Amino acid sequence: QSQLVESGGGLVQSGGSLRLSCAASGLNLDYYAIGWFRRAPGKEREGVACISSSSDRLIYADSVKGRFTISRDNAKSTVYLQMNSLEPADTGVYYCASRLSEVALYGSTWSEGLYEHWGQGTQVTVSS
């Protein structure tokens, strides 16, 4: 059974850092692009960062550029999201998701329907 499990969330003060992990099992991560999404309280889920299977394409939402860094270690079947300079607006549940198709990755980065597997999410709370 294919599964993605997020970890690393928690409570942090504004300006602080967290590193989220997305561990995959039951699927060969070598072939998948991975996206990080988040859902803030009362808002729709939005895309945050995406990394291609070979790490040659890194895509970020404007709101996190320069603060968040996505990376992956395929040998460990894990994708990371390093989050620095956190702000209260970054509060939400963070999800990772995998997509097999990397066609038009730049043009369809945040199209949730293209992501086949989703994790359950990890809560990130940034206090002011």
Foldseek 3Di string as FASTA:
>chain_A
DKAWAKDFADEEAQQAKIKMKIAIDPDQLLQKKKWKWWDAVPGDIWTAWIAGSVRPDIDGDPVQPPFWDWDDDSVRRMIMIIGGRDDQVPWGWMKMFIARDCVPCVVCVTVVVRTDYMHPTDGHGYHD
